[in-house]
Protein backbone atom coordinates (compact mmCIF):
# COMPACT_ATOMS: atom_id res chain seq x y z
CA MET A 1 61.92 -24.52 14.64
CA THR A 2 60.42 -22.40 11.61
CA ALA A 3 58.02 -18.75 12.70
CA ALA A 4 55.14 -20.32 11.23
CA ALA A 5 55.79 -23.75 13.08
CA ALA A 6 56.53 -22.08 16.68
CA SER A 7 53.27 -19.99 16.78
CA ALA A 8 51.47 -22.84 17.40
CA LEU A 9 52.99 -22.56 21.28
CA VAL A 10 52.75 -19.34 22.87
CA LYS A 11 54.48 -17.93 26.11
CA ALA A 12 52.86 -17.36 28.53
CA ARG A 13 53.98 -13.56 28.64
CA THR A 14 52.65 -13.37 24.89
CA ALA A 15 49.87 -14.74 25.89
CA TYR A 16 49.22 -12.38 28.37
CA VAL A 17 49.79 -9.51 26.11
CA GLU A 18 47.49 -10.59 23.70
CA ARG A 19 44.96 -11.73 25.85
CA ALA A 20 42.18 -9.19 24.70
CA HIS A 21 42.42 -10.57 20.89
CA SER A 22 42.34 -14.67 21.97
CA VAL A 23 39.92 -16.59 23.52
CA PHE A 24 41.68 -19.40 25.90
CA ILE A 25 40.45 -22.81 26.24
CA GLU A 26 40.96 -25.38 29.65
CA VAL A 27 41.63 -28.67 28.57
CA ALA A 28 40.70 -31.24 31.10
CA PRO A 29 42.74 -34.16 30.69
CA TRP A 30 40.44 -37.87 30.17
CA ARG A 31 41.66 -39.20 33.34
CA VAL A 32 43.53 -37.39 36.79
CA MET A 33 46.73 -36.76 35.89
CA ALA A 34 47.97 -36.09 39.55
CA PRO A 35 47.53 -36.50 43.19
CA GLY A 36 45.72 -33.82 45.42
CA PRO A 37 44.40 -30.69 45.20
CA ASP A 38 44.55 -28.33 42.85
CA PRO A 39 47.06 -25.97 43.42
CA ILE A 40 45.79 -22.94 41.36
CA GLN A 41 42.55 -21.45 42.21
CA GLY A 42 40.37 -20.26 39.68
CA SER A 43 41.17 -19.96 35.78
CA ILE A 44 41.75 -17.41 33.05
CA PRO A 45 39.51 -15.19 33.32
CA GLY A 46 36.52 -15.49 30.57
CA ALA A 47 38.35 -19.31 29.54
CA ILE A 48 36.03 -21.85 28.08
CA ARG A 49 36.21 -24.82 30.09
CA THR A 50 36.39 -28.11 28.04
CA SER A 51 37.99 -31.75 28.31
CA VAL A 52 39.47 -34.44 26.29
CA LYS A 53 37.10 -36.95 26.75
CA SER A 54 33.33 -34.70 25.77
CA ASP A 55 34.95 -32.30 23.58
CA PHE A 56 37.82 -33.74 21.71
CA ALA A 57 36.83 -37.54 21.01
CA GLY A 58 34.31 -38.78 19.44
CA ARG A 59 31.94 -42.29 21.09
CA PRO A 60 33.82 -45.28 20.73
CA THR A 61 33.05 -48.36 19.01
CA ALA A 62 33.76 -51.71 18.97
CA GLY A 63 36.16 -51.20 16.87
CA SER A 64 37.49 -48.27 17.80
CA GLY A 65 40.00 -47.02 20.79
CA HIS A 66 38.32 -45.29 24.07
CA LEU A 67 38.69 -42.34 22.53
CA PRO A 68 37.97 -41.79 18.57
CA LEU A 69 38.25 -38.80 16.80
CA PRO A 70 34.96 -37.02 16.89
CA GLU A 71 33.43 -36.18 13.79
CA ARG A 72 34.23 -32.16 12.13
CA THR A 73 30.78 -30.90 12.79
CA ALA A 74 30.61 -32.19 15.76
CA VAL A 75 34.28 -30.29 17.35
CA HIS A 76 32.76 -26.91 15.21
CA ALA A 77 29.63 -27.49 16.75
CA THR A 78 31.16 -27.32 20.50
CA LEU A 79 33.30 -24.63 19.70
CA LEU A 80 29.72 -22.59 17.92
CA ALA A 81 28.44 -22.86 20.97
CA TYR A 82 30.44 -20.75 23.00
CA GLY A 83 30.33 -18.37 20.03
CA VAL A 84 33.61 -19.29 18.99
CA SER A 85 34.81 -19.06 15.13
CA PRO A 86 36.98 -20.99 13.33
CA VAL A 87 39.29 -17.96 12.70
CA ASP A 88 39.31 -16.62 16.23
CA ASP A 89 42.90 -17.26 17.76
CA LEU A 90 42.38 -20.00 20.20
CA VAL A 91 45.13 -20.33 23.55
CA LEU A 92 44.45 -23.93 25.04
CA TYR A 93 46.20 -24.21 28.65
CA THR A 94 45.84 -27.07 30.70
CA ARG A 95 45.50 -26.74 34.58
CA ARG A 96 48.76 -28.89 35.78
CA ILE A 97 52.07 -29.12 34.17
CA GLU A 98 51.28 -33.38 33.92
CA GLU A 99 48.37 -32.55 31.56
CA LEU A 100 49.92 -30.77 28.70
CA SER A 101 49.09 -33.62 26.55
CA SER A 102 45.70 -33.04 27.23
CA ALA A 103 46.25 -29.39 25.60
CA ALA A 104 47.78 -30.95 22.31
CA ARG A 105 45.25 -33.54 22.29
CA ALA A 106 42.76 -30.71 21.96
CA TRP A 107 45.20 -28.94 19.11
CA PHE A 108 45.06 -31.97 17.22
CA VAL A 109 41.87 -32.14 16.89
CA LEU A 110 40.91 -28.13 16.12
CA THR A 111 43.66 -27.99 13.64
CA TRP A 112 42.55 -31.34 11.93
CA ALA A 113 39.06 -29.90 12.00
CA GLY A 114 39.87 -26.43 10.27
CA PHE A 115 40.34 -24.27 12.92
CA ARG A 116 43.36 -21.64 11.57
CA SER A 117 44.44 -20.59 14.35
CA VAL A 118 45.91 -22.46 17.25
CA ARG A 119 47.83 -22.38 19.77
CA VAL A 120 49.18 -24.38 23.18
CA LEU A 121 50.14 -22.36 25.94
CA ASP A 122 53.59 -23.29 27.00
CA GLY A 123 53.52 -24.35 30.53
CA GLY A 124 49.66 -24.34 31.29
CA LEU A 125 48.02 -22.14 33.99
CA PRO A 126 51.14 -22.39 35.99
CA ALA A 127 53.35 -20.39 33.87
CA TRP A 128 50.19 -18.10 33.55
CA THR A 129 50.43 -17.00 37.18
CA ARG A 130 54.03 -16.60 37.05
CA ALA A 131 54.25 -14.46 34.37
CA GLY A 132 51.82 -12.21 36.16
CA GLY A 133 48.16 -13.37 34.40
CA PRO A 134 45.25 -13.34 36.67
CA THR A 135 43.09 -15.87 37.44
CA GLY A 136 39.15 -15.51 38.08
CA ASP A 137 36.00 -17.07 36.85
CA PRO A 138 35.90 -19.22 33.67
CA ARG A 139 32.74 -19.09 31.18
CA GLU A 140 30.76 -21.33 32.58
CA THR A 141 27.76 -21.82 30.03
CA ARG A 142 27.45 -22.06 26.13
CA GLN A 143 25.36 -19.17 24.48
CA PRO A 144 24.99 -20.25 21.17
CA ALA A 145 25.74 -17.95 18.40
CA PRO A 146 26.25 -17.86 14.60
CA VAL A 147 30.13 -17.99 13.46
CA ARG A 148 30.99 -14.59 12.69
CA ASP A 149 34.19 -14.97 10.62
CA GLY A 150 34.72 -17.76 7.93
CA THR A 151 33.29 -21.08 7.79
CA PRO A 152 35.62 -24.30 7.88
CA PRO A 153 36.99 -25.33 5.29
CA ALA A 154 35.68 -27.83 3.36
CA GLY A 155 37.49 -31.52 3.59
CA GLY A 156 40.04 -29.70 5.12
CA ASN A 157 42.56 -31.64 7.98
CA GLY A 158 44.87 -29.03 8.88
CA GLY A 159 48.05 -30.90 7.76
CA ARG A 160 47.41 -33.92 10.26
CA HIS A 161 47.94 -36.94 9.36
CA VAL A 162 45.73 -39.49 11.31
CA LEU A 163 46.88 -43.37 10.69
CA THR A 164 43.47 -45.15 11.04
CA THR A 165 44.48 -49.09 9.93
CA ALA A 166 46.46 -51.45 11.29
CA ALA A 167 48.43 -51.96 7.90
CA GLU A 168 49.03 -48.26 8.19
CA VAL A 169 50.45 -48.76 11.85
CA LEU A 170 52.99 -51.47 11.06
CA GLU A 171 54.00 -50.47 7.61
CA VAL A 172 54.95 -47.12 9.06
CA ALA A 173 56.48 -49.59 11.99
CA ASP A 174 58.37 -51.84 9.76
CA TYR A 175 59.79 -49.14 7.30
CA GLY A 176 59.70 -45.86 9.37
CA THR A 177 59.48 -45.19 12.84
CA LEU A 178 56.29 -45.77 14.71
CA LEU A 179 56.75 -44.01 18.92
CA ASP A 180 55.29 -45.57 21.55
CA SER A 181 54.96 -42.58 24.05
CA ARG A 182 53.41 -44.85 27.26
CA PRO A 183 55.21 -45.23 30.55
CA LEU A 184 58.25 -48.21 30.00
CA SER A 185 56.41 -50.67 32.14
CA ALA A 186 53.28 -50.76 29.71
CA TYR A 187 55.38 -50.64 26.76
CA ASN A 188 57.04 -53.91 27.76
CA GLY A 189 54.21 -55.94 28.73
CA ALA A 190 53.29 -58.22 31.28
CA LEU A 191 54.57 -61.49 31.01
CA ASP A 192 51.48 -63.15 31.93
CA ASP A 193 49.20 -61.60 29.90
CA PRO A 194 49.63 -62.13 25.80
CA ARG A 195 47.78 -58.77 24.91
CA THR A 196 49.90 -56.44 26.78
CA GLY A 197 53.95 -54.78 25.30
CA HIS A 198 53.87 -53.16 21.95
CA VAL A 199 53.52 -52.98 18.56
CA PRO A 200 55.77 -54.61 16.75
CA HIS A 201 58.93 -52.62 16.12
CA ALA A 202 57.68 -49.81 17.72
CA ILE A 203 60.42 -47.44 19.64
CA HIS A 204 59.77 -46.42 23.24
CA ALA A 205 59.36 -42.53 23.24
CA HIS A 206 57.93 -41.49 26.95
CA SER A 207 56.04 -38.14 26.35
CA ALA A 208 56.26 -37.09 29.92
CA GLU A 209 60.37 -36.98 28.56
CA LEU A 210 59.37 -33.84 26.71
CA VAL A 211 58.34 -31.65 29.16
CA ALA A 212 60.95 -29.91 31.63
CA SER A 213 60.76 -29.62 35.33
CA ASP A 214 59.26 -26.42 35.41
CA GLY A 215 56.79 -27.69 33.55
CA LEU A 216 57.69 -26.18 30.20
CA LEU A 217 58.28 -27.81 26.80
CA ARG A 218 61.85 -28.72 26.37
CA SER A 219 63.76 -26.30 23.81
CA PRO A 220 63.96 -27.06 20.09
CA THR A 221 68.05 -28.20 20.35
CA GLU A 222 66.46 -30.87 22.92
CA LEU A 223 63.58 -31.58 21.13
CA ARG A 224 65.49 -32.33 17.95
CA LYS A 225 68.03 -34.68 19.63
CA TRP A 226 65.46 -36.16 21.09
CA PHE A 227 63.78 -37.13 18.08
CA LEU A 228 66.80 -37.46 16.31
CA SER A 229 67.50 -40.26 18.76
CA ARG A 230 64.80 -42.13 18.14
CA ARG A 231 65.39 -42.02 14.25
CA ALA A 232 62.33 -39.80 14.27
CA ILE A 233 63.84 -37.06 12.18
CA GLY A 234 63.39 -37.29 8.24
CA GLY A 235 61.46 -37.97 5.32
CA HIS A 236 59.88 -41.62 5.98
CA GLY A 237 57.09 -42.20 7.67
CA VAL A 238 56.73 -41.39 11.05
CA GLY A 239 54.00 -41.95 13.15
CA ALA A 240 52.87 -42.34 17.06
CA TYR A 241 50.56 -43.86 19.84
CA CYS A 242 49.90 -44.15 23.29
CA GLY A 243 47.08 -45.49 24.96
CA GLY A 244 44.08 -43.66 23.29
CA GLY A 245 45.65 -41.24 21.11
CA VAL A 246 46.54 -38.26 23.81
CA SER A 247 50.07 -38.40 24.85
CA SER A 248 51.09 -40.07 21.27
CA ALA A 249 49.54 -36.20 20.20
CA LEU A 250 52.16 -34.87 22.51
CA LEU A 251 55.03 -36.12 20.23
CA VAL A 252 52.44 -35.13 16.86
CA PHE A 253 52.88 -31.65 18.86
CA ALA A 254 56.42 -31.39 19.16
CA GLY A 255 57.11 -33.25 16.12
CA ALA A 256 55.02 -29.99 14.07
CA LEU A 257 57.33 -27.62 15.94
CA LEU A 258 59.90 -29.30 14.52
CA GLY A 259 58.79 -29.18 11.08
CA GLN A 260 58.59 -33.30 11.38
CA ARG A 261 55.25 -34.78 10.40
CA VAL A 262 54.29 -37.17 12.52
CA GLY A 263 50.74 -39.12 12.03
CA LEU A 264 48.87 -39.99 14.98
CA TYR A 265 47.41 -43.06 15.46
CA VAL A 266 44.34 -42.13 17.10
CA ASP A 267 42.60 -45.78 18.41
CA SER A 268 46.02 -46.57 19.95
CA TRP A 269 46.66 -49.27 22.35
CA SER A 270 43.05 -49.36 23.69
CA ALA A 271 41.91 -50.67 19.93
CA TRP A 272 44.86 -52.80 19.26
CA ALA A 273 44.92 -54.62 22.35
CA ARG A 274 41.29 -55.81 21.88
CA ASP A 275 42.15 -57.17 18.37
CA GLY A 276 43.31 -60.60 18.97
CA LEU A 277 44.65 -61.31 15.66
CA LEU A 278 46.87 -58.04 15.57
CA PRO A 279 50.83 -58.88 16.39
CA VAL A 280 52.11 -57.82 20.32
CA GLU A 281 55.92 -57.58 21.10
CA ARG A 282 56.75 -57.37 24.87
CA GLY A 283 60.50 -56.41 26.46
CA THR A 284 62.69 -53.59 25.67
CA ALA A 285 63.68 -53.60 21.81
CA VAL A 286 67.45 -52.10 20.77
CA THR A 287 67.17 -48.34 20.28
CA ARG A 288 69.62 -45.73 20.18
CA SER A 289 70.27 -43.50 23.63
CA SER A 290 68.78 -40.47 24.07
CA ALA A 291 72.16 -39.45 25.50
CA VAL A 292 73.92 -39.82 22.39
CA ASP A 293 75.48 -36.72 20.26
CA THR A 294 73.31 -36.40 17.81
CA ASP A 295 73.61 -32.56 16.54
CA CYS A 296 75.60 -33.68 12.87
CA VAL A 297 73.01 -36.40 12.15
């Protein structure tokens, strides 16, 4: 993991020490990820509260998935309403460890939109509290303010690669590696529903496997082995999708930490399954086991 790549992930202790120079953004998932009451009261003091659906997704269309990319101008307007500049140091976090992919989706959108310093808090709010970070009131209201420093780069995409057409997705699946980050049951599909399953030749790669039991992202060595076991490290095309471009954003984020570019098919299965002309494959594809020793690959 290079220093530049590693800077996208920040440990809770570091985030606490640097808190005076950062803008914290709490990202709520687009759907409930865990049952039961919220185990932690309050938020990181002064944090901006956002959600995947309202702030990091656009309005669905007939041909899109249910969480398409928003317009870049809309992303900047949302952050500007909180007085946030494209060159501020942004730290994204989620309230629960199960929701890390929502922070990864926000990271993807913000870096794609040209924000220059965007980090994800490893372990989210639970890690923050374990590190001794306080909790308190978030920033509840938007206060429009002018951009203080810099303007969004014209036409930039922050190095993020977006798969926008079915042809691009099929090409990655046929000649590269296409990762399906959904649970195995969704990947396999149902025998009585021909529009369930996965993109032909896609490899099952459940994003939950990237997170350890303590809610922290797995170590660089573990992540590299995980990607190698799925033939997702190298100069060939690598892409990822899920239901709506959220859990697969975590694969893109983890790949970026390793210096591996992973394209995101944002529309994902929610768009693919609706198009009756697109091919669907069911059942489990034969892939290399994640237990295979890949140190020398």
